[in-house]
Amino acid sequence: YAGGVVRAAGDTTRPFGSVALMRAAGVPESAEVEGRRT
């Protein structure tokens, strides 16, 4: 439940203001979750 599942982020993204800044802060565009690329 830390790195093997994805959940709706809700307002955790609010301080960044944009998806571009989330990527810039180190969030990958995709990740392997439960054996498949997500």
ModelCIF file with pLDDT and N, C-alpha, C, O atoms, coordinates in Angstrom:
data_MODEL
#
_entry.id   MODEL 
#
_entity.id                         1 
_entity.type                       polymer 
_entity.pdbx_number_of_molecules   1 
#
_entity_poly.entity_id                      1 
_entity_poly.type                           'polypeptide(L)' 
_entity_poly.nstd_linkage                   no 
_entity_poly.nstd_monomer                   no 
_entity_poly.pdbx_seq_one_letter_code       YAGGVVRAAGDTTRPFGSVALMRAAGVPESAEVEGRRT 
_entity_poly.pdbx_seq_one_letter_code_can   YAGGVVRAAGDTTRPFGSVALMRAAGVPESAEVEGRRT 
_entity_poly.pdbx_strand_id                 A 
#
loop_
_entity_poly_seq.entity_id 
_entity_poly_seq.num 
_entity_poly_seq.mon_id 
_entity_poly_seq.hetero 
1 1  TYR n 
1 2  ALA n 
1 3  GLY n 
1 4  GLY n 
1 5  VAL n 
1 6  VAL n 
1 7  ARG n 
1 8  ALA n 
1 9  ALA n 
1 10 GLY n 
1 11 ASP n 
1 12 THR n 
1 13 THR n 
1 14 ARG n 
1 15 PRO n 
1 16 PHE n 
1 17 GLY n 
1 18 SER n 
1 19 VAL n 
1 20 ALA n 
1 21 LEU n 
1 22 MET n 
1 23 ARG n 
1 24 ALA n 
1 25 ALA n 
1 26 GLY n 
1 27 VAL n 
1 28 PRO n 
1 29 GLU n 
1 30 SER n 
1 31 ALA n 
1 32 GLU n 
1 33 VAL n 
1 34 GLU n 
1 35 GLY n 
1 36 ARG n 
1 37 ARG n 
1 38 THR n 
#
_struct_asym.id          A 
_struct_asym.entity_id   1 
#
loop_
_ma_qa_metric.id 
_ma_qa_metric.mode 
_ma_qa_metric.name 
_ma_qa_metric.software_group_id 
_ma_qa_metric.type 
1 global pLDDT . pLDDT 
2 local  pLDDT . pLDDT 
#
_ma_qa_metric_global.metric_id      1 
_ma_qa_metric_global.metric_value   85.76 
_ma_qa_metric_global.model_id       1 
_ma_qa_metric_global.ordinal_id     1 
#
loop_
_ma_qa_metric_local.label_asym_id 
_ma_qa_metric_local.label_comp_id 
_ma_qa_metric_local.label_seq_id 
_ma_qa_metric_local.metric_id 
_ma_qa_metric_local.metric_value 
_ma_qa_metric_local.model_id 
_ma_qa_metric_local.ordinal_id 
A TYR 1  2 96.00 1 1  
A ALA 2  2 97.00 1 2  
A GLY 3  2 95.00 1 3  
A GLY 4  2 93.00 1 4  
A VAL 5  2 91.00 1 5  
A VAL 6  2 91.00 1 6  
A ARG 7  2 91.00 1 7  
A ALA 8  2 90.00 1 8  
A ALA 9  2 91.00 1 9  
A GLY 10 2 91.00 1 10 
A ASP 11 2 93.00 1 11 
A THR 12 2 93.00 1 12 
A THR 13 2 91.00 1 13 
A ARG 14 2 91.00 1 14 
A PRO 15 2 92.00 1 15 
A PHE 16 2 89.00 1 16 
A GLY 17 2 84.00 1 17 
A SER 18 2 80.00 1 18 
A VAL 19 2 76.00 1 19 
A ALA 20 2 80.00 1 20 
A LEU 21 2 87.00 1 21 
A MET 22 2 86.00 1 22 
A ARG 23 2 87.00 1 23 
A ALA 24 2 85.00 1 24 
A ALA 25 2 88.00 1 25 
A GLY 26 2 86.00 1 26 
A VAL 27 2 86.00 1 27 
A PRO 28 2 81.00 1 28 
A GLU 29 2 77.00 1 29 
A SER 30 2 78.00 1 30 
A ALA 31 2 80.00 1 31 
A GLU 32 2 79.00 1 32 
A VAL 33 2 80.00 1 33 
A GLU 34 2 72.00 1 34 
A GLY 35 2 74.00 1 35 
A ARG 36 2 76.00 1 36 
A ARG 37 2 82.00 1 37 
A THR 38 2 80.00 1 38 
#
loop_
_atom_site.group_PDB 
_atom_site.id 
_atom_site.type_symbol 
_atom_site.label_atom_id 
_atom_site.label_alt_id 
_atom_site.label_comp_id 
_atom_site.label_asym_id 
_atom_site.label_entity_id 
_atom_site.label_seq_id 
_atom_site.pdbx_PDB_ins_code 
_atom_site.Cartn_x 
_atom_site.Cartn_y 
_atom_site.Cartn_z 
_atom_site.occupancy 
_atom_site.B_iso_or_equiv 
_atom_site.pdbx_formal_charge 
_atom_site.auth_seq_id 
_atom_site.auth_comp_id 
_atom_site.auth_asym_id 
_atom_site.auth_atom_id 
_atom_site.pdbx_PDB_model_num 
ATOM 1   N N  . TYR A 1 1  ? 0.804  -1.211 0.000   1.00 96.00 ? 1  TYR A N  1 
ATOM 2   C CA . TYR A 1 1  ? 0.000  0.000  0.000   1.00 96.00 ? 1  TYR A CA 1 
ATOM 3   C C  . TYR A 1 1  ? 0.845  1.272  0.000   1.00 96.00 ? 1  TYR A C  1 
ATOM 4   O O  . TYR A 1 1  ? 0.309  2.364  0.194   1.00 96.00 ? 1  TYR A O  1 
ATOM 5   N N  . ALA A 1 2  ? 2.144  1.150  -0.213  1.00 97.00 ? 2  ALA A N  1 
ATOM 6   C CA . ALA A 1 2  ? 3.006  2.325  -0.342  1.00 97.00 ? 2  ALA A CA 1 
ATOM 7   C C  . ALA A 1 2  ? 3.483  2.519  -1.779  1.00 97.00 ? 2  ALA A C  1 
ATOM 8   O O  . ALA A 1 2  ? 3.522  3.645  -2.275  1.00 97.00 ? 2  ALA A O  1 
ATOM 9   N N  . GLY A 1 3  ? 3.841  1.435  -2.443  1.00 95.00 ? 3  GLY A N  1 
ATOM 10  C CA . GLY A 1 3  ? 4.377  1.556  -3.798  1.00 95.00 ? 3  GLY A CA 1 
ATOM 11  C C  . GLY A 1 3  ? 3.785  0.587  -4.785  1.00 95.00 ? 3  GLY A C  1 
ATOM 12  O O  . GLY A 1 3  ? 4.214  0.545  -5.939  1.00 95.00 ? 3  GLY A O  1 
ATOM 13  N N  . GLY A 1 4  ? 2.806  -0.198 -4.364  1.00 93.00 ? 4  GLY A N  1 
ATOM 14  C CA . GLY A 1 4  ? 2.252  -1.225 -5.227  1.00 93.00 ? 4  GLY A CA 1 
ATOM 15  C C  . GLY A 1 4  ? 0.806  -1.030 -5.603  1.00 93.00 ? 4  GLY A C  1 
ATOM 16  O O  . GLY A 1 4  ? 0.213  -1.883 -6.264  1.00 93.00 ? 4  GLY A O  1 
ATOM 17  N N  . VAL A 1 5  ? 0.219  0.102  -5.184  1.00 91.00 ? 5  VAL A N  1 
ATOM 18  C CA . VAL A 1 5  ? -1.160 0.422  -5.554  1.00 91.00 ? 5  VAL A CA 1 
ATOM 19  C C  . VAL A 1 5  ? -1.207 1.896  -5.951  1.00 91.00 ? 5  VAL A C  1 
ATOM 20  O O  . VAL A 1 5  ? -0.375 2.693  -5.518  1.00 91.00 ? 5  VAL A O  1 
ATOM 21  N N  . VAL A 1 6  ? -2.188 2.246  -6.779  1.00 91.00 ? 6  VAL A N  1 
ATOM 22  C CA . VAL A 1 6  ? -2.418 3.655  -7.093  1.00 91.00 ? 6  VAL A CA 1 
ATOM 23  C C  . VAL A 1 6  ? -3.794 4.036  -6.582  1.00 91.00 ? 6  VAL A C  1 
ATOM 24  O O  . VAL A 1 6  ? -4.731 3.239  -6.625  1.00 91.00 ? 6  VAL A O  1 
ATOM 25  N N  . ARG A 1 7  ? -3.904 5.263  -6.099  1.00 91.00 ? 7  ARG A N  1 
ATOM 26  C CA . ARG A 1 7  ? -5.159 5.773  -5.588  1.00 91.00 ? 7  ARG A CA 1 
ATOM 27  C C  . ARG A 1 7  ? -5.336 7.219  -6.052  1.00 91.00 ? 7  ARG A C  1 
ATOM 28  O O  . ARG A 1 7  ? -4.358 7.920  -6.315  1.00 91.00 ? 7  ARG A O  1 
ATOM 29  N N  . ALA A 1 8  ? -6.583 7.653  -6.149  1.00 90.00 ? 8  ALA A N  1 
ATOM 30  C CA . ALA A 1 8  ? -6.858 9.034  -6.526  1.00 90.00 ? 8  ALA A CA 1 
ATOM 31  C C  . ALA A 1 8  ? -6.133 9.982  -5.572  1.00 90.00 ? 8  ALA A C  1 
ATOM 32  O O  . ALA A 1 8  ? -6.238 9.858  -4.352  1.00 90.00 ? 8  ALA A O  1 
ATOM 33  N N  . ALA A 1 9  ? -5.398 10.929 -6.150  1.00 91.00 ? 9  ALA A N  1 
ATOM 34  C CA . ALA A 1 9  ? -4.548 11.803 -5.336  1.00 91.00 ? 9  ALA A CA 1 
ATOM 35  C C  . ALA A 1 9  ? -5.331 12.895 -4.634  1.00 91.00 ? 9  ALA A C  1 
ATOM 36  O O  . ALA A 1 9  ? -4.885 13.413 -3.610  1.00 91.00 ? 9  ALA A O  1 
ATOM 37  N N  . GLY A 1 10 ? -6.500 13.257 -5.169  1.00 91.00 ? 10 GLY A N  1 
ATOM 38  C CA . GLY A 1 10 ? -7.263 14.339 -4.554  1.00 91.00 ? 10 GLY A CA 1 
ATOM 39  C C  . GLY A 1 10 ? -6.452 15.620 -4.489  1.00 91.00 ? 10 GLY A C  1 
ATOM 40  O O  . GLY A 1 10 ? -5.724 15.955 -5.423  1.00 91.00 ? 10 GLY A O  1 
ATOM 41  N N  . ASP A 1 11 ? -6.583 16.332 -3.383  1.00 93.00 ? 11 ASP A N  1 
ATOM 42  C CA . ASP A 1 11 ? -5.905 17.621 -3.238  1.00 93.00 ? 11 ASP A CA 1 
ATOM 43  C C  . ASP A 1 11 ? -4.425 17.508 -2.886  1.00 93.00 ? 11 ASP A C  1 
ATOM 44  O O  . ASP A 1 11 ? -3.788 18.526 -2.615  1.00 93.00 ? 11 ASP A O  1 
ATOM 45  N N  . THR A 1 12 ? -3.859 16.299 -2.882  1.00 93.00 ? 12 THR A N  1 
ATOM 46  C CA . THR A 1 12 ? -2.402 16.210 -2.701  1.00 93.00 ? 12 THR A CA 1 
ATOM 47  C C  . THR A 1 12 ? -1.681 16.917 -3.841  1.00 93.00 ? 12 THR A C  1 
ATOM 48  O O  . THR A 1 12 ? -0.533 17.336 -3.687  1.00 93.00 ? 12 THR A O  1 
ATOM 49  N N  . THR A 1 13 ? -2.356 17.053 -4.997  1.00 91.00 ? 13 THR A N  1 
ATOM 50  C CA . THR A 1 13 ? -1.734 17.717 -6.149  1.00 91.00 ? 13 THR A CA 1 
ATOM 51  C C  . THR A 1 13 ? -1.930 19.231 -6.134  1.00 91.00 ? 13 THR A C  1 
ATOM 52  O O  . THR A 1 13 ? -1.286 19.942 -6.905  1.00 91.00 ? 13 THR A O  1 
ATOM 53  N N  . ARG A 1 14 ? -2.794 19.725 -5.281  1.00 91.00 ? 14 ARG A N  1 
ATOM 54  C CA . ARG A 1 14 ? -3.143 21.155 -5.313  1.00 91.00 ? 14 ARG A CA 1 
ATOM 55  C C  . ARG A 1 14 ? -1.948 22.093 -5.154  1.00 91.00 ? 14 ARG A C  1 
ATOM 56  O O  . ARG A 1 14 ? -1.861 23.059 -5.911  1.00 91.00 ? 14 ARG A O  1 
ATOM 57  N N  . PRO A 1 15 ? -1.018 21.872 -4.216  1.00 92.00 ? 15 PRO A N  1 
ATOM 58  C CA . PRO A 1 15 ? 0.088  22.820 -4.076  1.00 92.00 ? 15 PRO A CA 1 
ATOM 59  C C  . PRO A 1 15 ? 0.973  22.932 -5.316  1.00 92.00 ? 15 PRO A C  1 
ATOM 60  O O  . PRO A 1 15 ? 1.684  23.923 -5.479  1.00 92.00 ? 15 PRO A O  1 
ATOM 61  N N  . PHE A 1 16 ? 0.935  21.931 -6.185  1.00 89.00 ? 16 PHE A N  1 
ATOM 62  C CA . PHE A 1 16 ? 1.787  21.973 -7.374  1.00 89.00 ? 16 PHE A CA 1 
ATOM 63  C C  . PHE A 1 16 ? 1.177  22.812 -8.483  1.00 89.00 ? 16 PHE A C  1 
ATOM 64  O O  . PHE A 1 16 ? 1.899  23.420 -9.273  1.00 89.00 ? 16 PHE A O  1 
ATOM 65  N N  . GLY A 1 17 ? -0.133 22.849 -8.547  1.00 84.00 ? 17 GLY A N  1 
ATOM 66  C CA . GLY A 1 17 ? -0.794 23.705 -9.512  1.00 84.00 ? 17 GLY A CA 1 
ATOM 67  C C  . GLY A 1 17 ? -0.919 23.142 -10.906 1.00 84.00 ? 17 GLY A C  1 
ATOM 68  O O  . GLY A 1 17 ? -1.770 23.598 -11.670 1.00 84.00 ? 17 GLY A O  1 
ATOM 69  N N  . SER A 1 18 ? -0.096 22.159 -11.270 1.00 80.00 ? 18 SER A N  1 
ATOM 70  C CA . SER A 1 18 ? -0.172 21.585 -12.611 1.00 80.00 ? 18 SER A CA 1 
ATOM 71  C C  . SER A 1 18 ? 0.472  20.219 -12.627 1.00 80.00 ? 18 SER A C  1 
ATOM 72  O O  . SER A 1 18 ? 1.320  19.901 -11.794 1.00 80.00 ? 18 SER A O  1 
ATOM 73  N N  . VAL A 1 19 ? 0.051  19.410 -13.596 1.00 76.00 ? 19 VAL A N  1 
ATOM 74  C CA . VAL A 1 19 ? 0.653  18.093 -13.777 1.00 76.00 ? 19 VAL A CA 1 
ATOM 75  C C  . VAL A 1 19 ? 2.131  18.218 -14.120 1.00 76.00 ? 19 VAL A C  1 
ATOM 76  O O  . VAL A 1 19 ? 2.943  17.391 -13.706 1.00 76.00 ? 19 VAL A O  1 
ATOM 77  N N  . ALA A 1 20 ? 2.477  19.259 -14.880 1.00 80.00 ? 20 ALA A N  1 
ATOM 78  C CA . ALA A 1 20 ? 3.876  19.444 -15.273 1.00 80.00 ? 20 ALA A CA 1 
ATOM 79  C C  . ALA A 1 20 ? 4.779  19.581 -14.061 1.00 80.00 ? 20 ALA A C  1 
ATOM 80  O O  . ALA A 1 20 ? 5.886  19.042 -14.047 1.00 80.00 ? 20 ALA A O  1 
ATOM 81  N N  . LEU A 1 21 ? 4.314  20.305 -13.034 1.00 87.00 ? 21 LEU A N  1 
ATOM 82  C CA . LEU A 1 21 ? 5.131  20.463 -11.834 1.00 87.00 ? 21 LEU A CA 1 
ATOM 83  C C  . LEU A 1 21 ? 5.192  19.179 -11.026 1.00 87.00 ? 21 LEU A C  1 
ATOM 84  O O  . LEU A 1 21 ? 6.204  18.910 -10.379 1.00 87.00 ? 21 LEU A O  1 
ATOM 85  N N  . MET A 1 22 ? 4.121  18.372 -11.047 1.00 86.00 ? 22 MET A N  1 
ATOM 86  C CA . MET A 1 22 ? 4.183  17.078 -10.379 1.00 86.00 ? 22 MET A CA 1 
ATOM 87  C C  . MET A 1 22 ? 5.280  16.229 -11.007 1.00 86.00 ? 22 MET A C  1 
ATOM 88  O O  . MET A 1 22 ? 6.051  15.592 -10.289 1.00 86.00 ? 22 MET A O  1 
ATOM 89  N N  . ARG A 1 23 ? 5.367  16.208 -12.371 1.00 87.00 ? 23 ARG A N  1 
ATOM 90  C CA . ARG A 1 23 ? 6.433  15.452 -13.044 1.00 87.00 ? 23 ARG A CA 1 
ATOM 91  C C  . ARG A 1 23 ? 7.803  16.010 -12.693 1.00 87.00 ? 23 ARG A C  1 
ATOM 92  O O  . ARG A 1 23 ? 8.759  15.265 -12.480 1.00 87.00 ? 23 ARG A O  1 
ATOM 93  N N  . ALA A 1 24 ? 7.880  17.374 -12.636 1.00 85.00 ? 24 ALA A N  1 
ATOM 94  C CA . ALA A 1 24 ? 9.155  18.006 -12.320 1.00 85.00 ? 24 ALA A CA 1 
ATOM 95  C C  . ALA A 1 24 ? 9.617  17.680 -10.912 1.00 85.00 ? 24 ALA A C  1 
ATOM 96  O O  . ALA A 1 24 ? 10.818 17.643 -10.643 1.00 85.00 ? 24 ALA A O  1 
ATOM 97  N N  . ALA A 1 25 ? 8.668  17.442 -10.008 1.00 88.00 ? 25 ALA A N  1 
ATOM 98  C CA . ALA A 1 25 ? 8.993  17.136 -8.619  1.00 88.00 ? 25 ALA A CA 1 
ATOM 99  C C  . ALA A 1 25 ? 9.367  15.680 -8.404  1.00 88.00 ? 25 ALA A C  1 
ATOM 100 O O  . ALA A 1 25 ? 9.664  15.280 -7.278  1.00 88.00 ? 25 ALA A O  1 
ATOM 101 N N  . GLY A 1 26 ? 9.358  14.886 -9.459  1.00 86.00 ? 26 GLY A N  1 
ATOM 102 C CA . GLY A 1 26 ? 9.820  13.508 -9.335  1.00 86.00 ? 26 GLY A CA 1 
ATOM 103 C C  . GLY A 1 26 ? 8.770  12.444 -9.503  1.00 86.00 ? 26 GLY A C  1 
ATOM 104 O O  . GLY A 1 26 ? 9.086  11.260 -9.385  1.00 86.00 ? 26 GLY A O  1 
ATOM 105 N N  . VAL A 1 27 ? 7.505  12.818 -9.780  1.00 86.00 ? 27 VAL A N  1 
ATOM 106 C CA . VAL A 1 27 ? 6.459  11.826 -9.991  1.00 86.00 ? 27 VAL A CA 1 
ATOM 107 C C  . VAL A 1 27 ? 6.553  11.311 -11.424 1.00 86.00 ? 27 VAL A C  1 
ATOM 108 O O  . VAL A 1 27 ? 6.466  12.104 -12.361 1.00 86.00 ? 27 VAL A O  1 
ATOM 109 N N  . PRO A 1 28 ? 6.728  10.013 -11.619 1.00 81.00 ? 28 PRO A N  1 
ATOM 110 C CA . PRO A 1 28 ? 6.841  9.490  -12.977 1.00 81.00 ? 28 PRO A CA 1 
ATOM 111 C C  . PRO A 1 28 ? 5.509  9.537  -13.709 1.00 81.00 ? 28 PRO A C  1 
ATOM 112 O O  . PRO A 1 28 ? 4.446  9.575  -13.089 1.00 81.00 ? 28 PRO A O  1 
ATOM 113 N N  . GLU A 1 29 ? 5.580  9.534  -15.041 1.00 77.00 ? 29 GLU A N  1 
ATOM 114 C CA . GLU A 1 29 ? 4.350  9.514  -15.830 1.00 77.00 ? 29 GLU A CA 1 
ATOM 115 C C  . GLU A 1 29 ? 3.621  8.191  -15.687 1.00 77.00 ? 29 GLU A C  1 
ATOM 116 O O  . GLU A 1 29 ? 2.395  8.139  -15.786 1.00 77.00 ? 29 GLU A O  1 
ATOM 117 N N  . SER A 1 30 ? 4.374  7.116  -15.454 1.00 78.00 ? 30 SER A N  1 
ATOM 118 C CA . SER A 1 30 ? 3.766  5.797  -15.286 1.00 78.00 ? 30 SER A CA 1 
ATOM 119 C C  . SER A 1 30 ? 4.624  4.977  -14.342 1.00 78.00 ? 30 SER A C  1 
ATOM 120 O O  . SER A 1 30 ? 5.781  5.313  -14.085 1.00 78.00 ? 30 SER A O  1 
ATOM 121 N N  . ALA A 1 31 ? 4.047  3.895  -13.826 1.00 80.00 ? 31 ALA A N  1 
ATOM 122 C CA . ALA A 1 31 ? 4.764  3.013  -12.909 1.00 80.00 ? 31 ALA A CA 1 
ATOM 123 C C  . ALA A 1 31 ? 4.201  1.605  -13.036 1.00 80.00 ? 31 ALA A C  1 
ATOM 124 O O  . ALA A 1 31 ? 3.065  1.414  -13.470 1.00 80.00 ? 31 ALA A O  1 
ATOM 125 N N  . GLU A 1 32 ? 5.005  0.628  -12.655 1.00 79.00 ? 32 GLU A N  1 
ATOM 126 C CA . GLU A 1 32 ? 4.537  -0.753 -12.657 1.00 79.00 ? 32 GLU A CA 1 
ATOM 127 C C  . GLU A 1 32 ? 3.720  -0.991 -11.391 1.00 79.00 ? 32 GLU A C  1 
ATOM 128 O O  . GLU A 1 32 ? 4.238  -0.884 -10.279 1.00 79.00 ? 32 GLU A O  1 
ATOM 129 N N  . VAL A 1 33 ? 2.463  -1.308 -11.565 1.00 80.00 ? 33 VAL A N  1 
ATOM 130 C CA . VAL A 1 33 ? 1.556  -1.541 -10.447 1.00 80.00 ? 33 VAL A CA 1 
ATOM 131 C C  . VAL A 1 33 ? 0.839  -2.857 -10.685 1.00 80.00 ? 33 VAL A C  1 
ATOM 132 O O  . VAL A 1 33 ? 0.174  -3.043 -11.704 1.00 80.00 ? 33 VAL A O  1 
ATOM 133 N N  . GLU A 1 34 ? 0.984  -3.778 -9.721  1.00 72.00 ? 34 GLU A N  1 
ATOM 134 C CA . GLU A 1 34 ? 0.362  -5.098 -9.807  1.00 72.00 ? 34 GLU A CA 1 
ATOM 135 C C  . GLU A 1 34 ? 0.693  -5.790 -11.126 1.00 72.00 ? 34 GLU A C  1 
ATOM 136 O O  . GLU A 1 34 ? -0.164 -6.407 -11.759 1.00 72.00 ? 34 GLU A O  1 
ATOM 137 N N  . GLY A 1 35 ? 1.961  -5.670 -11.521 1.00 74.00 ? 35 GLY A N  1 
ATOM 138 C CA . GLY A 1 35 ? 2.447  -6.406 -12.684 1.00 74.00 ? 35 GLY A CA 1 
ATOM 139 C C  . GLY A 1 35 ? 2.185  -5.776 -14.033 1.00 74.00 ? 35 GLY A C  1 
ATOM 140 O O  . GLY A 1 35 ? 2.504  -6.375 -15.060 1.00 74.00 ? 35 GLY A O  1 
ATOM 141 N N  . ARG A 1 36 ? 1.609  -4.579 -14.062 1.00 76.00 ? 36 ARG A N  1 
ATOM 142 C CA . ARG A 1 36 ? 1.365  -3.937 -15.354 1.00 76.00 ? 36 ARG A CA 1 
ATOM 143 C C  . ARG A 1 36 ? 1.695  -2.452 -15.272 1.00 76.00 ? 36 ARG A C  1 
ATOM 144 O O  . ARG A 1 36 ? 1.671  -1.848 -14.200 1.00 76.00 ? 36 ARG A O  1 
ATOM 145 N N  . ARG A 1 37 ? 2.005  -1.879 -16.441 1.00 82.00 ? 37 ARG A N  1 
ATOM 146 C CA . ARG A 1 37 ? 2.354  -0.470 -16.515 1.00 82.00 ? 37 ARG A CA 1 
ATOM 147 C C  . ARG A 1 37 ? 1.086  0.364  -16.356 1.00 82.00 ? 37 ARG A C  1 
ATOM 148 O O  . ARG A 1 37 ? 0.092  0.128  -17.044 1.00 82.00 ? 37 ARG A O  1 
ATOM 149 N N  . THR A 1 38 ? 1.122  1.341  -15.448 1.00 80.00 ? 38 THR A N  1 
ATOM 150 C CA . THR A 1 38 ? -0.050 2.143  -15.142 1.00 80.00 ? 38 THR A CA 1 
ATOM 151 C C  . THR A 1 38 ? 0.274  3.622  -15.293 1.00 80.00 ? 38 THR A C  1 
ATOM 152 O O  . THR A 1 38 ? -0.593 4.469  -15.077 1.00 80.00 ? 38 THR A O  1 
#
